[in-house]
Structure formats: structure tokens, C-alpha cells
Amino acid sequence: MAIRKEDALQQLTKDQQAEVQEYERRIDHAIHEGYDGTPLIMSENLPTSNRVQKLLQKKYAEAGWKLSFHHDQRDGGWIELS
């Protein structure tokens, strides 16, 4: 049976699954501690994999959030949640 494209994108290694769980923990903590209705900015090292980023974006979108990842040479990485 051919693997569906959506299924292939969602298959994560154990390390990637652990990374998703760790980012969920950090993001949820930041929401509980500091979300006030305005976009929440978290200075963070970004996930190492596009798959991890896409899965996190999908999970938070399903929960009503817009999650985006940003990086520049001067400021490093950050996550924006709105």
C-alpha cells in the first residue's frame, strides 16, 4: 500500500516526538504565565526539524492559535503565538 503524503509528513522519530512534547510543555507554560490577549513572543532555539515545526503549528491551530517560528542573525530565534 502506498503511504499517503499526509501520513509521511506526520511520522516522527522518537527524538522528534520528544522534541514536540518539550516544545508543547514550554509553549503551554508561556501561555499560562504570560498570555494577555496580545501576541506572545518567546525567545527560543527553534525546533530542529520542519516536521516538528509543522506538527506544532497544526496542533496549536487546531486549538485556536496561530504559531509561527522566526529567526534572524542578530536576534536569534523566537516563537510567536497569537
Protein backbone atom coordinates (compact mmCIF):
# COMPACT_ATOMS: atom_id res chain seq x y z
CA MET A 1 0.00 0.00 0.00
CA ALA A 2 1.31 3.45 -0.88
CA ILE A 3 1.95 5.78 2.02
CA ARG A 4 -0.23 8.88 1.90
CA LYS A 5 1.64 12.17 1.76
CA GLU A 6 -0.07 13.45 4.94
CA ASP A 7 0.91 10.28 6.82
CA ALA A 8 4.55 10.54 5.74
CA LEU A 9 4.74 14.12 6.99
CA GLN A 10 3.37 13.14 10.38
CA GLN A 11 5.75 10.24 11.02
CA LEU A 12 8.30 11.41 13.53
CA THR A 13 11.34 9.75 15.05
CA LYS A 14 11.37 9.19 18.80
CA ASP A 15 13.69 12.19 19.17
CA GLN A 16 11.30 14.37 17.17
CA GLN A 17 8.34 13.16 19.25
CA ALA A 18 10.24 14.09 22.42
CA GLU A 19 11.05 17.49 20.92
CA VAL A 20 7.35 18.11 20.14
CA GLN A 21 6.41 17.24 23.72
CA GLU A 22 9.10 19.53 25.14
CA TYR A 23 8.00 22.47 22.97
CA GLU A 24 4.36 21.87 23.90
CA ARG A 25 5.36 21.99 27.57
CA ARG A 26 7.30 25.25 27.10
CA ILE A 27 4.63 26.90 24.97
CA ASP A 28 1.80 25.89 27.31
CA HIS A 29 3.79 27.20 30.28
CA ALA A 30 4.35 30.54 28.49
CA ILE A 31 0.62 30.77 27.73
CA HIS A 32 -0.32 30.14 31.36
CA GLU A 33 2.28 32.57 32.65
CA GLY A 34 2.04 35.46 30.23
CA TYR A 35 -0.72 35.43 27.62
CA ASP A 36 -2.73 38.64 27.91
CA GLY A 37 -4.56 38.75 24.59
CA THR A 38 -1.67 40.25 22.64
CA PRO A 39 0.80 38.18 20.63
CA LEU A 40 3.09 36.19 22.88
CA ILE A 41 6.77 36.20 21.90
CA MET A 42 9.08 33.50 23.23
CA SER A 43 12.84 33.76 22.70
CA GLU A 44 13.76 30.17 21.93
CA ASN A 45 16.02 27.96 19.97
CA LEU A 46 13.83 26.76 17.14
CA PRO A 47 12.86 23.13 16.55
CA THR A 48 15.49 21.29 14.56
CA SER A 49 13.08 19.81 12.04
CA ASN A 50 10.48 21.22 9.66
CA ARG A 51 8.28 18.25 10.57
CA VAL A 52 8.38 19.26 14.23
CA GLN A 53 7.55 22.87 13.36
CA LYS A 54 4.67 21.88 11.07
CA LEU A 55 3.20 19.48 13.63
CA LEU A 56 3.36 22.11 16.37
CA GLN A 57 1.70 24.66 14.08
CA LYS A 58 -1.04 22.16 13.24
CA LYS A 59 -1.67 21.22 16.89
CA TYR A 60 -1.89 24.82 18.04
CA ALA A 61 -4.01 25.82 15.02
CA GLU A 62 -6.49 23.09 15.96
CA ALA A 63 -6.59 24.63 19.45
CA GLY A 64 -7.31 28.11 18.01
CA TRP A 65 -3.79 29.58 17.99
CA LYS A 66 -1.54 30.88 15.25
CA LEU A 67 2.01 29.69 15.92
CA SER A 68 4.93 30.94 13.86
CA PHE A 69 8.69 30.47 14.01
CA HIS A 70 11.16 33.25 13.24
CA HIS A 71 14.91 33.62 13.10
CA ASP A 72 17.41 36.26 12.16
CA GLN A 73 21.13 36.51 12.58
CA ARG A 74 21.06 39.38 15.05
CA ASP A 75 18.19 38.36 17.34
CA GLY A 76 18.37 34.57 17.08
CA GLY A 77 15.17 32.51 17.18
CA TRP A 78 11.74 33.23 18.57
CA ILE A 79 8.26 31.76 18.54
CA GLU A 80 5.22 33.98 18.12
CA LEU A 81 1.84 32.83 19.36
CA SER A 82 -1.38 34.73 18.75
